[in-house]
C-alpha atoms as a PDB file:
ATOM      1  CA  MET A   1      -1.067   7.270  -7.506  1.00  0.00           C
ATOM      2  CA  GLY A   2       0.186   4.264 -10.019  1.00  0.00           C
ATOM      3  CA  LYS A   3       2.294   1.538  -8.876  1.00  0.00           C
ATOM      4  CA  GLU A   4       5.151   2.861 -11.217  1.00  0.00           C
ATOM      5  CA  ASN A   5       5.290   6.267  -9.409  1.00  0.00           C
ATOM      6  CA  LEU A   6       5.813   4.125  -5.747  1.00  0.00           C
ATOM      7  CA  ASN A   7       8.270   2.160  -7.461  1.00  0.00           C
ATOM      8  CA  GLU A   8      10.463   5.427  -8.545  1.00  0.00           C
ATOM      9  CA  MET A   9      10.058   7.100  -5.127  1.00  0.00           C
ATOM     10  CA  THR A  10      13.068   7.119  -2.558  1.00  0.00           C
ATOM     11  CA  ILE A  11      12.816   5.690   1.087  1.00  0.00           C
ATOM     12  CA  ASP A  12      12.153   9.323   2.693  1.00  0.00           C
ATOM     13  CA  GLU A  13       9.894  10.237  -0.247  1.00  0.00           C
ATOM     14  CA  LEU A  14       8.022   7.010   0.686  1.00  0.00           C
ATOM     15  CA  LYS A  15       7.729   7.592   3.979  1.00  0.00           C
ATOM     16  CA  GLU A  16       6.609  11.102   3.953  1.00  0.00           C
ATOM     17  CA  LEU A  17       3.592   9.919   1.186  1.00  0.00           C
ATOM     18  CA  LYS A  18       2.765   7.219   3.898  1.00  0.00           C
ATOM     19  CA  ASP A  19       1.823   9.773   6.284  1.00  0.00           C
ATOM     20  CA  LYS A  20      -0.118  11.707   4.511  1.00  0.00           C
ATOM     21  CA  CYS A  21      -2.364   9.102   3.109  1.00  0.00           C
ATOM     22  CA  ILE A  22      -2.935   7.976   7.003  1.00  0.00           C
ATOM     23  CA  LYS A  23      -3.794  11.596   7.862  1.00  0.00           C
ATOM     24  CA  ASP A  24      -6.021  11.062   4.733  1.00  0.00           C
ATOM     25  CA  TYR A  25      -7.682   7.951   5.928  1.00  0.00           C
ATOM     26  CA  ARG A  26      -8.276   9.438   9.032  1.00  0.00           C
ATOM     27  CA  ILE A  27     -10.202  11.858   7.681  1.00  0.00           C
ATOM     28  CA  PHE A  28     -12.018  10.202   5.404  1.00  0.00           C
ATOM     29  CA  ARG A  29     -12.839   7.797   8.180  1.00  0.00           C
ATOM     30  CA  PHE A  30     -14.096  10.801  10.121  1.00  0.00           C
ATOM     31  CA  ASN A  31     -16.190  12.246   7.208  1.00  0.00           C
ATOM     32  CA  LYS A  32     -18.023   8.961   6.683  1.00  0.00           C
ATOM     33  CA  ILE A  33     -19.084   9.147   9.809  1.00  0.00           C
ATOM     34  CA  VAL A  34     -20.319  12.463  10.134  1.00  0.00           C
ATOM     35  CA  GLY A  35     -22.090  11.875   6.656  1.00  0.00           C
ATOM     36  CA  GLN A  36     -19.953  14.179   4.653  1.00  0.00           C
ATOM     37  CA  LEU A  37     -17.841  11.483   2.327  1.00  0.00           C
ATOM     38  CA  GLU A  38     -19.183  11.915  -1.114  1.00  0.00           C
ATOM     39  CA  ASN A  39     -16.877   8.889  -2.912  1.00  0.00           C
ATOM     40  CA  GLU A  40     -16.522   5.637   0.066  1.00  0.00           C
ATOM     41  CA  LEU A  41     -14.361   4.170  -2.294  1.00  0.00           C
ATOM     42  CA  LYS A  42     -11.579   7.082  -1.278  1.00  0.00           C
ATOM     43  CA  ILE A  43     -11.363   4.418   2.134  1.00  0.00           C
ATOM     44  CA  ARG A  44     -10.263   1.820   0.622  1.00  0.00           C
ATOM     45  CA  GLU A  45      -8.365   2.870  -1.745  1.00  0.00           C
ATOM     46  CA  THR A  46      -6.323   5.192   0.561  1.00  0.00           C
ATOM     47  CA  ARG A  47      -5.849   1.869   3.052  1.00  0.00           C
ATOM     48  CA  ARG A  48      -4.812  -0.258  -0.461  1.00  0.00           C
ATOM     49  CA  SER A  49      -2.275   2.601  -0.894  1.00  0.00           C
ATOM     50  CA  ILE A  50      -0.998   2.540   2.553  1.00  0.00           C
ATOM     51  CA  ALA A  51      -0.658  -1.218   2.194  1.00  0.00           C
ATOM     52  CA  ARG A  52       1.513  -0.570  -0.973  1.00  0.00           C
ATOM     53  CA  ILE A  53       3.666   1.321   0.816  1.00  0.00           C
ATOM     54  CA  ASN A  54       4.113  -0.302   3.880  1.00  0.00           C
ATOM     55  CA  THR A  55       4.910  -3.132   1.360  1.00  0.00           C
ATOM     56  CA  ILE A  56       7.704  -1.579  -0.337  1.00  0.00           C
ATOM     57  CA  LEU A  57       9.176  -0.232   2.405  1.00  0.00           C
ATOM     58  CA  ARG A  58       9.775  -3.890   4.370  1.00  0.00           C
ATOM     59  CA  GLU A  59      11.074  -4.932   1.271  1.00  0.00           C
ATOM     60  CA  TYR A  60      13.974  -2.245   1.188  1.00  0.00           C
ATOM     61  CA  GLU A  61      14.042  -3.108   4.942  1.00  0.00           C
ATOM     62  CA  LEU A  62      14.968  -6.865   4.482  1.00  0.00           C
ATOM     63  CA  GLY A  63      17.472  -6.236   1.445  1.00  0.00           C
ATOM     64  CA  ILE A  64      14.336  -7.296  -1.079  1.00  0.00           C
ATOM     65  CA  ARG A  65      15.054  -4.210  -3.183  1.00  0.00           C
ATOM     66  CA  LYS A  66      17.801  -2.123  -3.241  1.00  0.00           C
ATOM     67  CA  SER A  67      17.266   1.590  -2.898  1.00  0.00           C
ATOM     68  CA  LYS A  68      18.957   3.571  -6.030  1.00  0.00           C
ATOM     69  CA  VAL A  69      21.321   5.477  -4.465  1.00  0.00           C
ATOM     70  CA  GLU A  70      22.704   1.857  -3.362  1.00  0.00           C
ATOM     71  CA  SER A  71      22.328   0.270  -6.899  1.00  0.00           C
ATOM     72  CA  LYS A  72      23.842   4.082  -8.376  1.00  0.00           C
ATOM     73  CA  ASN A  73      27.418   3.348  -6.210  1.00  0.00           C
ATOM     74  CA  SER A  74      27.834  -0.271  -6.581  1.00  0.00           C
END
């Protein structure tokens, strides 16, 4: 998941992706405890993806970033 892809997504798509990442993160953490996780970097990558998504959503909330729908109507 590249940064460019996140910048092009709508708010609803970002929220759905965030929920998916959180589920994946929980699964990765559980598998690490059980000893079934092969690539432990997935945990870090997923956590950072969640942080990126949260940052973008917060920028929309504060008005720093304008949504695609608003900018097309203006």
